[in-house]
Every structure is written in structure tokens, then in C-alpha cells.
Amino acid sequence: RHIDRAACDFHGVPLWAFNAIKAGEDFIKPDGSVVANTLLTREPGPA
């Protein structure tokens, strides 16, 4: 999936988490709240 950099910056996603997010994982903030992957990425082009 394609990283939405503006959304990741807004939610404070660190660079080290980008690979997992591109692979489809959600992001868990330090306070335990979950940011859905679909809010942080865009659909990749079809294979």
C-alpha cells in the first residue's frame, strides 16, 4: 500500500513503522489507541 505521508505525520507515525503499515498493519499510538491502516495509506495499483 502507498503511504499517505500527511496522514502519518498527523498521527505521529514514526519512520520505522512505515514498512509494517505499507504491508497493511494498523498503527497503535503510545496511548493505546489504534489508527486504522486505511486512514494512513492508499490502495496500491493493481498487479
ModelCIF file with pLDDT and N, C-alpha, C, O atoms, coordinates in Angstrom:
data_MODEL
#
_entry.id   MODEL 
#
_entity.id                         1 
_entity.type                       polymer 
_entity.pdbx_number_of_molecules   1 
#
_entity_poly.entity_id                      1 
_entity_poly.type                           'polypeptide(L)' 
_entity_poly.nstd_linkage                   no 
_entity_poly.nstd_monomer                   no 
_entity_poly.pdbx_seq_one_letter_code       RHIDRAACDFHGVPLWAFNAIKAGEDFIKPDGSVVANTLLTREPGPA 
_entity_poly.pdbx_seq_one_letter_code_can   RHIDRAACDFHGVPLWAFNAIKAGEDFIKPDGSVVANTLLTREPGPA 
_entity_poly.pdbx_strand_id                 A 
#
loop_
_entity_poly_seq.entity_id 
_entity_poly_seq.num 
_entity_poly_seq.mon_id 
_entity_poly_seq.hetero 
1 1  ARG n 
1 2  HIS n 
1 3  ILE n 
1 4  ASP n 
1 5  ARG n 
1 6  ALA n 
1 7  ALA n 
1 8  CYS n 
1 9  ASP n 
1 10 PHE n 
1 11 HIS n 
1 12 GLY n 
1 13 VAL n 
1 14 PRO n 
1 15 LEU n 
1 16 TRP n 
1 17 ALA n 
1 18 PHE n 
1 19 ASN n 
1 20 ALA n 
1 21 ILE n 
1 22 LYS n 
1 23 ALA n 
1 24 GLY n 
1 25 GLU n 
1 26 ASP n 
1 27 PHE n 
1 28 ILE n 
1 29 LYS n 
1 30 PRO n 
1 31 ASP n 
1 32 GLY n 
1 33 SER n 
1 34 VAL n 
1 35 VAL n 
1 36 ALA n 
1 37 ASN n 
1 38 THR n 
1 39 LEU n 
1 40 LEU n 
1 41 THR n 
1 42 ARG n 
1 43 GLU n 
1 44 PRO n 
1 45 GLY n 
1 46 PRO n 
1 47 ALA n 
#
_struct_asym.id          A 
_struct_asym.entity_id   1 
#
loop_
_ma_qa_metric.id 
_ma_qa_metric.mode 
_ma_qa_metric.name 
_ma_qa_metric.software_group_id 
_ma_qa_metric.type 
1 global pLDDT . pLDDT 
2 local  pLDDT . pLDDT 
#
_ma_qa_metric_global.metric_id      1 
_ma_qa_metric_global.metric_value   87.45 
_ma_qa_metric_global.model_id       1 
_ma_qa_metric_global.ordinal_id     1 
#
loop_
_ma_qa_metric_local.label_asym_id 
_ma_qa_metric_local.label_comp_id 
_ma_qa_metric_local.label_seq_id 
_ma_qa_metric_local.metric_id 
_ma_qa_metric_local.metric_value 
_ma_qa_metric_local.model_id 
_ma_qa_metric_local.ordinal_id 
A ARG 1  2 81.00 1 1  
A HIS 2  2 81.00 1 2  
A ILE 3  2 89.00 1 3  
A ASP 4  2 85.00 1 4  
A ARG 5  2 91.00 1 5  
A ALA 6  2 92.00 1 6  
A ALA 7  2 83.00 1 7  
A CYS 8  2 88.00 1 8  
A ASP 9  2 87.00 1 9  
A PHE 10 2 86.00 1 10 
A HIS 11 2 88.00 1 11 
A GLY 12 2 90.00 1 12 
A VAL 13 2 89.00 1 13 
A PRO 14 2 92.00 1 14 
A LEU 15 2 92.00 1 15 
A TRP 16 2 90.00 1 16 
A ALA 17 2 89.00 1 17 
A PHE 18 2 88.00 1 18 
A ASN 19 2 88.00 1 19 
A ALA 20 2 89.00 1 20 
A ILE 21 2 87.00 1 21 
A LYS 22 2 86.00 1 22 
A ALA 23 2 84.00 1 23 
A GLY 24 2 88.00 1 24 
A GLU 25 2 91.00 1 25 
A ASP 26 2 91.00 1 26 
A PHE 27 2 88.00 1 27 
A ILE 28 2 91.00 1 28 
A LYS 29 2 88.00 1 29 
A PRO 30 2 91.00 1 30 
A ASP 31 2 90.00 1 31 
A GLY 32 2 84.00 1 32 
A SER 33 2 89.00 1 33 
A VAL 34 2 87.00 1 34 
A VAL 35 2 87.00 1 35 
A ALA 36 2 89.00 1 36 
A ASN 37 2 90.00 1 37 
A THR 38 2 85.00 1 38 
A LEU 39 2 87.00 1 39 
A LEU 40 2 85.00 1 40 
A THR 41 2 87.00 1 41 
A ARG 42 2 86.00 1 42 
A GLU 43 2 80.00 1 43 
A PRO 44 2 79.00 1 44 
A GLY 45 2 81.00 1 45 
A PRO 46 2 89.00 1 46 
A ALA 47 2 92.00 1 47 
#
loop_
_atom_site.group_PDB 
_atom_site.id 
_atom_site.type_symbol 
_atom_site.label_atom_id 
_atom_site.label_alt_id 
_atom_site.label_comp_id 
_atom_site.label_asym_id 
_atom_site.label_entity_id 
_atom_site.label_seq_id 
_atom_site.pdbx_PDB_ins_code 
_atom_site.Cartn_x 
_atom_site.Cartn_y 
_atom_site.Cartn_z 
_atom_site.occupancy 
_atom_site.B_iso_or_equiv 
_atom_site.pdbx_formal_charge 
_atom_site.auth_seq_id 
_atom_site.auth_comp_id 
_atom_site.auth_asym_id 
_atom_site.auth_atom_id 
_atom_site.pdbx_PDB_model_num 
ATOM 1   N N  . ARG A 1 1  ? 0.841  -1.190 0.000   1.00 81.00 ? 1  ARG A N  1 
ATOM 2   C CA . ARG A 1 1  ? 0.000  0.000  0.000   1.00 81.00 ? 1  ARG A CA 1 
ATOM 3   C C  . ARG A 1 1  ? 0.884  1.251  0.000   1.00 81.00 ? 1  ARG A C  1 
ATOM 4   O O  . ARG A 1 1  ? 2.038  1.212  0.427   1.00 81.00 ? 1  ARG A O  1 
ATOM 5   N N  . HIS A 1 2  ? 0.317  2.362  -0.488  1.00 81.00 ? 2  HIS A N  1 
ATOM 6   C CA . HIS A 1 2  ? 1.052  3.627  -0.554  1.00 81.00 ? 2  HIS A CA 1 
ATOM 7   C C  . HIS A 1 2  ? 0.844  4.420  0.732   1.00 81.00 ? 2  HIS A C  1 
ATOM 8   O O  . HIS A 1 2  ? -0.281 4.586  1.203   1.00 81.00 ? 2  HIS A O  1 
ATOM 9   N N  . ILE A 1 3  ? 1.941  4.901  1.284   1.00 89.00 ? 3  ILE A N  1 
ATOM 10  C CA . ILE A 1 3  ? 1.874  5.721  2.493   1.00 89.00 ? 3  ILE A CA 1 
ATOM 11  C C  . ILE A 1 3  ? 1.266  7.085  2.185   1.00 89.00 ? 3  ILE A C  1 
ATOM 12  O O  . ILE A 1 3  ? 1.660  7.748  1.225   1.00 89.00 ? 3  ILE A O  1 
ATOM 13  N N  . ASP A 1 4  ? 0.304  7.497  3.007   1.00 85.00 ? 4  ASP A N  1 
ATOM 14  C CA . ASP A 1 4  ? -0.215 8.870  2.974   1.00 85.00 ? 4  ASP A CA 1 
ATOM 15  C C  . ASP A 1 4  ? 0.601  9.657  3.988   1.00 85.00 ? 4  ASP A C  1 
ATOM 16  O O  . ASP A 1 4  ? 0.315  9.624  5.185   1.00 85.00 ? 4  ASP A O  1 
ATOM 17  N N  . ARG A 1 5  ? 1.612  10.362 3.508   1.00 91.00 ? 5  ARG A N  1 
ATOM 18  C CA . ARG A 1 5  ? 2.577  10.974 4.419   1.00 91.00 ? 5  ARG A CA 1 
ATOM 19  C C  . ARG A 1 5  ? 1.923  12.023 5.317   1.00 91.00 ? 5  ARG A C  1 
ATOM 20  O O  . ARG A 1 5  ? 2.264  12.137 6.495   1.00 91.00 ? 5  ARG A O  1 
ATOM 21  N N  . ALA A 1 6  ? 0.990  12.782 4.761   1.00 92.00 ? 6  ALA A N  1 
ATOM 22  C CA . ALA A 1 6  ? 0.335  13.811 5.579   1.00 92.00 ? 6  ALA A CA 1 
ATOM 23  C C  . ALA A 1 6  ? -0.449 13.172 6.723   1.00 92.00 ? 6  ALA A C  1 
ATOM 24  O O  . ALA A 1 6  ? -0.417 13.664 7.852   1.00 92.00 ? 6  ALA A O  1 
ATOM 25  N N  . ALA A 1 7  ? -1.154 12.076 6.432   1.00 83.00 ? 7  ALA A N  1 
ATOM 26  C CA . ALA A 1 7  ? -1.926 11.402 7.475   1.00 83.00 ? 7  ALA A CA 1 
ATOM 27  C C  . ALA A 1 7  ? -1.004 10.785 8.523   1.00 83.00 ? 7  ALA A C  1 
ATOM 28  O O  . ALA A 1 7  ? -1.299 10.820 9.718   1.00 83.00 ? 7  ALA A O  1 
ATOM 29  N N  . CYS A 1 8  ? 0.110  10.222 8.069   1.00 88.00 ? 8  CYS A N  1 
ATOM 30  C CA . CYS A 1 8  ? 1.060  9.630  9.020   1.00 88.00 ? 8  CYS A CA 1 
ATOM 31  C C  . CYS A 1 8  ? 1.686  10.696 9.916   1.00 88.00 ? 8  CYS A C  1 
ATOM 32  O O  . CYS A 1 8  ? 1.865  10.481 11.115  1.00 88.00 ? 8  CYS A O  1 
ATOM 33  N N  . ASP A 1 9  ? 2.014  11.828 9.339   1.00 87.00 ? 9  ASP A N  1 
ATOM 34  C CA . ASP A 1 9  ? 2.570  12.918 10.153  1.00 87.00 ? 9  ASP A CA 1 
ATOM 35  C C  . ASP A 1 9  ? 1.544  13.414 11.165  1.00 87.00 ? 9  ASP A C  1 
ATOM 36  O O  . ASP A 1 9  ? 1.888  13.709 12.310  1.00 87.00 ? 9  ASP A O  1 
ATOM 37  N N  . PHE A 1 10 ? 0.290  13.504 10.745  1.00 86.00 ? 10 PHE A N  1 
ATOM 38  C CA . PHE A 1 10 ? -0.764 13.982 11.635  1.00 86.00 ? 10 PHE A CA 1 
ATOM 39  C C  . PHE A 1 10 ? -0.917 13.064 12.851  1.00 86.00 ? 10 PHE A C  1 
ATOM 40  O O  . PHE A 1 10 ? -1.131 13.528 13.971  1.00 86.00 ? 10 PHE A O  1 
ATOM 41  N N  . HIS A 1 11 ? -0.803 11.761 12.611  1.00 88.00 ? 11 HIS A N  1 
ATOM 42  C CA . HIS A 1 11 ? -0.982 10.790 13.693  1.00 88.00 ? 11 HIS A CA 1 
ATOM 43  C C  . HIS A 1 11 ? 0.331  10.426 14.387  1.00 88.00 ? 11 HIS A C  1 
ATOM 44  O O  . HIS A 1 11 ? 0.356  9.558  15.259  1.00 88.00 ? 11 HIS A O  1 
ATOM 45  N N  . GLY A 1 12 ? 1.411  11.087 14.001  1.00 90.00 ? 12 GLY A N  1 
ATOM 46  C CA . GLY A 1 12 ? 2.681  10.870 14.671  1.00 90.00 ? 12 GLY A CA 1 
ATOM 47  C C  . GLY A 1 12 ? 3.306  9.510  14.420  1.00 90.00 ? 12 GLY A C  1 
ATOM 48  O O  . GLY A 1 12 ? 3.947  8.945  15.306  1.00 90.00 ? 12 GLY A O  1 
ATOM 49  N N  . VAL A 1 13 ? 3.124  8.984  13.220  1.00 89.00 ? 13 VAL A N  1 
ATOM 50  C CA . VAL A 1 13 ? 3.694  7.674  12.896  1.00 89.00 ? 13 VAL A CA 1 
ATOM 51  C C  . VAL A 1 13 ? 5.196  7.825  12.641  1.00 89.00 ? 13 VAL A C  1 
ATOM 52  O O  . VAL A 1 13 ? 5.585  8.609  11.775  1.00 89.00 ? 13 VAL A O  1 
ATOM 53  N N  . PRO A 1 14 ? 6.045  7.100  13.364  1.00 92.00 ? 14 PRO A N  1 
ATOM 54  C CA . PRO A 1 14 ? 7.491  7.201  13.139  1.00 92.00 ? 14 PRO A CA 1 
ATOM 55  C C  . PRO A 1 14 ? 7.908  6.471  11.864  1.00 92.00 ? 14 PRO A C  1 
ATOM 56  O O  . PRO A 1 14 ? 7.208  5.571  11.400  1.00 92.00 ? 14 PRO A O  1 
ATOM 57  N N  . LEU A 1 15 ? 9.040  6.861  11.306  1.00 92.00 ? 15 LEU A N  1 
ATOM 58  C CA . LEU A 1 15 ? 9.509  6.265  10.053  1.00 92.00 ? 15 LEU A CA 1 
ATOM 59  C C  . LEU A 1 15 ? 9.709  4.762  10.173  1.00 92.00 ? 15 LEU A C  1 
ATOM 60  O O  . LEU A 1 15 ? 9.482  4.028  9.211   1.00 92.00 ? 15 LEU A O  1 
ATOM 61  N N  . TRP A 1 16 ? 10.136 4.293  11.361  1.00 90.00 ? 16 TRP A N  1 
ATOM 62  C CA . TRP A 1 16 ? 10.427 2.864  11.495  1.00 90.00 ? 16 TRP A CA 1 
ATOM 63  C C  . TRP A 1 16 ? 9.173  1.995  11.351  1.00 90.00 ? 16 TRP A C  1 
ATOM 64  O O  . TRP A 1 16 ? 9.275  0.789  11.128  1.00 90.00 ? 16 TRP A O  1 
ATOM 65  N N  . ALA A 1 17 ? 7.986  2.611  11.479  1.00 89.00 ? 17 ALA A N  1 
ATOM 66  C CA . ALA A 1 17 ? 6.733  1.855  11.377  1.00 89.00 ? 17 ALA A CA 1 
ATOM 67  C C  . ALA A 1 17 ? 6.183  1.808  9.950   1.00 89.00 ? 17 ALA A C  1 
ATOM 68  O O  . ALA A 1 17 ? 5.198  1.116  9.691   1.00 89.00 ? 17 ALA A O  1 
ATOM 69  N N  . PHE A 1 18 ? 6.810  2.535  9.024   1.00 88.00 ? 18 PHE A N  1 
ATOM 70  C CA . PHE A 1 18 ? 6.241  2.654  7.679   1.00 88.00 ? 18 PHE A CA 1 
ATOM 71  C C  . PHE A 1 18 ? 6.163  1.303  6.952   1.00 88.00 ? 18 PHE A C  1 
ATOM 72  O O  . PHE A 1 18 ? 5.162  1.022  6.292   1.00 88.00 ? 18 PHE A O  1 
ATOM 73  N N  . ASN A 1 19 ? 7.180  0.481  7.061   1.00 88.00 ? 19 ASN A N  1 
ATOM 74  C CA . ASN A 1 19 ? 7.165  -0.799 6.329   1.00 88.00 ? 19 ASN A CA 1 
ATOM 75  C C  . ASN A 1 19 ? 5.998  -1.676 6.765   1.00 88.00 ? 19 ASN A C  1 
ATOM 76  O O  . ASN A 1 19 ? 5.339  -2.296 5.930   1.00 88.00 ? 19 ASN A O  1 
ATOM 77  N N  . ALA A 1 20 ? 5.741  -1.732 8.069   1.00 89.00 ? 20 ALA A N  1 
ATOM 78  C CA . ALA A 1 20 ? 4.625  -2.539 8.569   1.00 89.00 ? 20 ALA A CA 1 
ATOM 79  C C  . ALA A 1 20 ? 3.294  -1.958 8.107   1.00 89.00 ? 20 ALA A C  1 
ATOM 80  O O  . ALA A 1 20 ? 2.365  -2.699 7.784   1.00 89.00 ? 20 ALA A O  1 
ATOM 81  N N  . ILE A 1 21 ? 3.205  -0.650 8.077   1.00 87.00 ? 21 ILE A N  1 
ATOM 82  C CA . ILE A 1 21 ? 1.961  -0.004 7.639   1.00 87.00 ? 21 ILE A CA 1 
ATOM 83  C C  . ILE A 1 21 ? 1.736  -0.233 6.150   1.00 87.00 ? 21 ILE A C  1 
ATOM 84  O O  . ILE A 1 21 ? 0.610  -0.494 5.726   1.00 87.00 ? 21 ILE A O  1 
ATOM 85  N N  . LYS A 1 22 ? 2.799  -0.137 5.352   1.00 86.00 ? 22 LYS A N  1 
ATOM 86  C CA . LYS A 1 22 ? 2.656  -0.419 3.922   1.00 86.00 ? 22 LYS A CA 1 
ATOM 87  C C  . LYS A 1 22 ? 2.215  -1.864 3.683   1.00 86.00 ? 22 LYS A C  1 
ATOM 88  O O  . LYS A 1 22 ? 1.549  -2.164 2.692   1.00 86.00 ? 22 LYS A O  1 
ATOM 89  N N  . ALA A 1 23 ? 2.592  -2.747 4.596   1.00 84.00 ? 23 ALA A N  1 
ATOM 90  C CA . ALA A 1 23 ? 2.208  -4.159 4.484   1.00 84.00 ? 23 ALA A CA 1 
ATOM 91  C C  . ALA A 1 23 ? 0.787  -4.415 4.974   1.00 84.00 ? 23 ALA A C  1 
ATOM 92  O O  . ALA A 1 23 ? 0.285  -5.533 4.865   1.00 84.00 ? 23 ALA A O  1 
ATOM 93  N N  . GLY A 1 24 ? 0.124  -3.366 5.521   1.00 88.00 ? 24 GLY A N  1 
ATOM 94  C CA . GLY A 1 24 ? -1.283 -3.494 5.896   1.00 88.00 ? 24 GLY A CA 1 
ATOM 95  C C  . GLY A 1 24 ? -1.591 -3.414 7.375   1.00 88.00 ? 24 GLY A C  1 
ATOM 96  O O  . GLY A 1 24 ? -2.755 -3.535 7.759   1.00 88.00 ? 24 GLY A O  1 
ATOM 97  N N  . GLU A 1 25 ? -0.588 -3.215 8.221   1.00 91.00 ? 25 GLU A N  1 
ATOM 98  C CA . GLU A 1 25 ? -0.839 -3.173 9.660   1.00 91.00 ? 25 GLU A CA 1 
ATOM 99  C C  . GLU A 1 25 ? -1.425 -1.830 10.090  1.00 91.00 ? 25 GLU A C  1 
ATOM 100 O O  . GLU A 1 25 ? -1.129 -0.796 9.492   1.00 91.00 ? 25 GLU A O  1 
ATOM 101 N N  . ASP A 1 26 ? -2.256 -1.853 11.127  1.00 91.00 ? 26 ASP A N  1 
ATOM 102 C CA . ASP A 1 26 ? -2.721 -0.618 11.762  1.00 91.00 ? 26 ASP A CA 1 
ATOM 103 C C  . ASP A 1 26 ? -1.583 -0.037 12.601  1.00 91.00 ? 26 ASP A C  1 
ATOM 104 O O  . ASP A 1 26 ? -0.576 -0.701 12.848  1.00 91.00 ? 26 ASP A O  1 
ATOM 105 N N  . PHE A 1 27 ? -1.761 1.223  13.036  1.00 88.00 ? 27 PHE A N  1 
ATOM 106 C CA . PHE A 1 27 ? -0.755 1.849  13.895  1.00 88.00 ? 27 PHE A CA 1 
ATOM 107 C C  . PHE A 1 27 ? -1.329 2.027  15.297  1.00 88.00 ? 27 PHE A C  1 
ATOM 108 O O  . PHE A 1 27 ? -2.418 2.572  15.474  1.00 88.00 ? 27 PHE A O  1 
ATOM 109 N N  . ILE A 1 28 ? -0.580 1.560  16.283  1.00 91.00 ? 28 ILE A N  1 
ATOM 110 C CA . ILE A 1 28 ? -1.004 1.708  17.678  1.00 91.00 ? 28 ILE A CA 1 
ATOM 111 C C  . ILE A 1 28 ? -0.207 2.849  18.304  1.00 91.00 ? 28 ILE A C  1 
ATOM 112 O O  . ILE A 1 28 ? 1.020  2.792  18.387  1.00 91.00 ? 28 ILE A O  1 
ATOM 113 N N  . LYS A 1 29 ? -0.914 3.877  18.739  1.00 88.00 ? 29 LYS A N  1 
ATOM 114 C CA . LYS A 1 29 ? -0.273 5.031  19.346  1.00 88.00 ? 29 LYS A CA 1 
ATOM 115 C C  . LYS A 1 29 ? 0.210  4.684  20.762  1.00 88.00 ? 29 LYS A C  1 
ATOM 116 O O  . LYS A 1 29 ? -0.220 3.686  21.339  1.00 88.00 ? 29 LYS A O  1 
ATOM 117 N N  . PRO A 1 30 ? 1.111  5.517  21.319  1.00 91.00 ? 30 PRO A N  1 
ATOM 118 C CA . PRO A 1 30 ? 1.607  5.271  22.673  1.00 91.00 ? 30 PRO A CA 1 
ATOM 119 C C  . PRO A 1 30 ? 0.498  5.186  23.721  1.00 91.00 ? 30 PRO A C  1 
ATOM 120 O O  . PRO A 1 30 ? 0.656  4.503  24.733  1.00 91.00 ? 30 PRO A O  1 
ATOM 121 N N  . ASP A 1 31 ? -0.634 5.880  23.486  1.00 90.00 ? 31 ASP A N  1 
ATOM 122 C CA . ASP A 1 31 ? -1.722 5.833  24.462  1.00 90.00 ? 31 ASP A CA 1 
ATOM 123 C C  . ASP A 1 31 ? -2.622 4.602  24.271  1.00 90.00 ? 31 ASP A C  1 
ATOM 124 O O  . ASP A 1 31 ? -3.610 4.437  24.986  1.00 90.00 ? 31 ASP A O  1 
ATOM 125 N N  . GLY A 1 32 ? -2.277 3.745  23.308  1.00 84.00 ? 32 GLY A N  1 
ATOM 126 C CA . GLY A 1 32 ? -3.038 2.523  23.083  1.00 84.00 ? 32 GLY A CA 1 
ATOM 127 C C  . GLY A 1 32 ? -4.136 2.642  22.046  1.00 84.00 ? 32 GLY A C  1 
ATOM 128 O O  . GLY A 1 32 ? -4.727 1.632  21.666  1.00 84.00 ? 32 GLY A O  1 
ATOM 129 N N  . SER A 1 33 ? -4.423 3.831  21.585  1.00 89.00 ? 33 SER A N  1 
ATOM 130 C CA . SER A 1 33 ? -5.457 3.997  20.559  1.00 89.00 ? 33 SER A CA 1 
ATOM 131 C C  . SER A 1 33 ? -4.936 3.493  19.211  1.00 89.00 ? 33 SER A C  1 
ATOM 132 O O  . SER A 1 33 ? -3.741 3.562  18.923  1.00 89.00 ? 33 SER A O  1 
ATOM 133 N N  . VAL A 1 34 ? -5.859 2.986  18.400  1.00 87.00 ? 34 VAL A N  1 
ATOM 134 C CA . VAL A 1 34 ? -5.497 2.368  17.127  1.00 87.00 ? 34 VAL A CA 1 
ATOM 135 C C  . VAL A 1 34 ? -5.936 3.255  15.962  1.00 87.00 ? 34 VAL A C  1 
ATOM 136 O O  . VAL A 1 34 ? -7.083 3.697  15.893  1.00 87.00 ? 34 VAL A O  1 
ATOM 137 N N  . VAL A 1 35 ? -4.997 3.502  15.054  1.00 87.00 ? 35 VAL A N  1 
ATOM 138 C CA . VAL A 1 35 ? -5.311 4.232  13.822  1.00 87.00 ? 35 VAL A CA 1 
ATOM 139 C C  . VAL A 1 35 ? -5.401 3.199  12.690  1.00 87.00 ? 35 VAL A C  1 
ATOM 140 O O  . VAL A 1 35 ? -4.424 2.511  12.392  1.00 87.00 ? 35 VAL A O  1 
ATOM 141 N N  . ALA A 1 36 ? -6.560 3.098  12.073  1.00 89.00 ? 36 ALA A N  1 
ATOM 142 C CA . ALA A 1 36 ? -6.776 2.095  11.026  1.00 89.00 ? 36 ALA A CA 1 
ATOM 143 C C  . ALA A 1 36 ? -5.832 2.326  9.849   1.00 89.00 ? 36 ALA A C  1 
ATOM 144 O O  . ALA A 1 36 ? -5.539 3.462  9.476   1.00 89.00 ? 36 ALA A O  1 
ATOM 145 N N  . ASN A 1 37 ? -5.370 1.230  9.283   1.00 90.00 ? 37 ASN A N  1 
ATOM 146 C CA . ASN A 1 37 ? -4.439 1.306  8.160   1.00 90.00 ? 37 ASN A CA 1 
ATOM 147 C C  . ASN A 1 37 ? -5.007 2.103  6.992   1.00 90.00 ? 37 ASN A C  1 
ATOM 148 O O  . ASN A 1 37 ? -4.277 2.808  6.295   1.00 90.00 ? 37 ASN A O  1 
ATOM 149 N N  . THR A 1 38 ? -6.319 1.984  6.785   1.00 85.00 ? 38 THR A N  1 
ATOM 150 C CA . THR A 1 38 ? -6.933 2.682  5.644   1.00 85.00 ? 38 THR A CA 1 
ATOM 151 C C  . THR A 1 38 ? -6.874 4.194  5.788   1.00 85.00 ? 38 THR A C  1 
ATOM 152 O O  . THR A 1 38 ? -7.022 4.914  4.801   1.00 85.00 ? 38 THR A O  1 
ATOM 153 N N  . LEU A 1 39 ? -6.656 4.691  7.014   1.00 87.00 ? 39 LEU A N  1 
ATOM 154 C CA . LEU A 1 39 ? -6.518 6.139  7.227   1.00 87.00 ? 39 LEU A CA 1 
ATOM 155 C C  . LEU A 1 39 ? -5.097 6.615  6.941   1.00 87.00 ? 39 LEU A C  1 
ATOM 156 O O  . LEU A 1 39 ? -4.861 7.812  6.776   1.00 87.00 ? 39 LEU A O  1 
ATOM 157 N N  . LEU A 1 40 ? -4.157 5.683  6.883   1.00 85.00 ? 40 LEU A N  1 
ATOM 158 C CA . LEU A 1 40 ? -2.744 6.044  6.750   1.00 85.00 ? 40 LEU A CA 1 
ATOM 159 C C  . LEU A 1 40 ? -2.168 5.703  5.380   1.00 85.00 ? 40 LEU A C  1 
ATOM 160 O O  . LEU A 1 40 ? -1.048 6.100  5.058   1.00 85.00 ? 40 LEU A O  1 
ATOM 161 N N  . THR A 1 41 ? -2.926 4.976  4.582   1.00 87.00 ? 41 THR A N  1 
ATOM 162 C CA . THR A 1 41 ? -2.405 4.503  3.291   1.00 87.00 ? 41 THR A CA 1 
ATOM 163 C C  . THR A 1 41 ? -3.448 4.653  2.196   1.00 87.00 ? 41 THR A C  1 
ATOM 164 O O  . THR A 1 41 ? -4.628 4.893  2.449   1.00 87.00 ? 41 THR A O  1 
ATOM 165 N N  . ARG A 1 42 ? -2.966 4.503  0.977   1.00 86.00 ? 42 ARG A N  1 
ATOM 166 C CA . ARG A 1 42 ? -3.844 4.456  -0.200  1.00 86.00 ? 42 ARG A CA 1 
ATOM 167 C C  . ARG A 1 42 ? -3.667 3.110  -0.889  1.00 86.00 ? 42 ARG A C  1 
ATOM 168 O O  . ARG A 1 42 ? -2.638 2.449  -0.752  1.00 86.00 ? 42 ARG A O  1 
ATOM 169 N N  . GLU A 1 43 ? -4.695 2.725  -1.629  1.00 80.00 ? 43 GLU A N  1 
ATOM 170 C CA . GLU A 1 43 ? -4.642 1.452  -2.354  1.00 80.00 ? 43 GLU A CA 1 
ATOM 171 C C  . GLU A 1 43 ? -3.462 1.446  -3.330  1.00 80.00 ? 43 GLU A C  1 
ATOM 172 O O  . GLU A 1 43 ? -3.212 2.450  -3.996  1.00 80.00 ? 43 GLU A O  1 
ATOM 173 N N  . PRO A 1 44 ? -2.736 0.330  -3.422  1.00 79.00 ? 44 PRO A N  1 
ATOM 174 C CA . PRO A 1 44 ? -1.686 0.235  -4.446  1.00 79.00 ? 44 PRO A CA 1 
ATOM 175 C C  . PRO A 1 44 ? -2.326 0.024  -5.812  1.00 79.00 ? 44 PRO A C  1 
ATOM 176 O O  . PRO A 1 44 ? -3.484 -0.382 -5.905  1.00 79.00 ? 44 PRO A O  1 
ATOM 177 N N  . GLY A 1 45 ? -1.579 0.298  -6.858  1.00 81.00 ? 45 GLY A N  1 
ATOM 178 C CA . GLY A 1 45 ? -2.080 -0.005 -8.187  1.00 81.00 ? 45 GLY A CA 1 
ATOM 179 C C  . GLY A 1 45 ? -2.204 -1.505 -8.365  1.00 81.00 ? 45 GLY A C  1 
ATOM 180 O O  . GLY A 1 45 ? -1.525 -2.263 -7.672  1.00 81.00 ? 45 GLY A O  1 
ATOM 181 N N  . PRO A 1 46 ? -3.052 -1.948 -9.272  1.00 89.00 ? 46 PRO A N  1 
ATOM 182 C CA . PRO A 1 46 ? -3.213 -3.392 -9.490  1.00 89.00 ? 46 PRO A CA 1 
ATOM 183 C C  . PRO A 1 46 ? -1.935 -4.016 -10.036 1.00 89.00 ? 46 PRO A C  1 
ATOM 184 O O  . PRO A 1 46 ? -1.189 -3.375 -10.775 1.00 89.00 ? 46 PRO A O  1 
ATOM 185 N N  . ALA A 1 47 ? -1.691 -5.264 -9.669  1.00 92.00 ? 47 ALA A N  1 
ATOM 186 C CA . ALA A 1 47 ? -0.539 -6.003 -10.196 1.00 92.00 ? 47 ALA A CA 1 
ATOM 187 C C  . ALA A 1 47 ? -0.730 -6.231 -11.692 1.00 92.00 ? 47 ALA A C  1 
ATOM 188 O O  . ALA A 1 47 ? 0.125  -6.836 -12.339 1.00 92.00 ? 47 ALA A O  1 
#
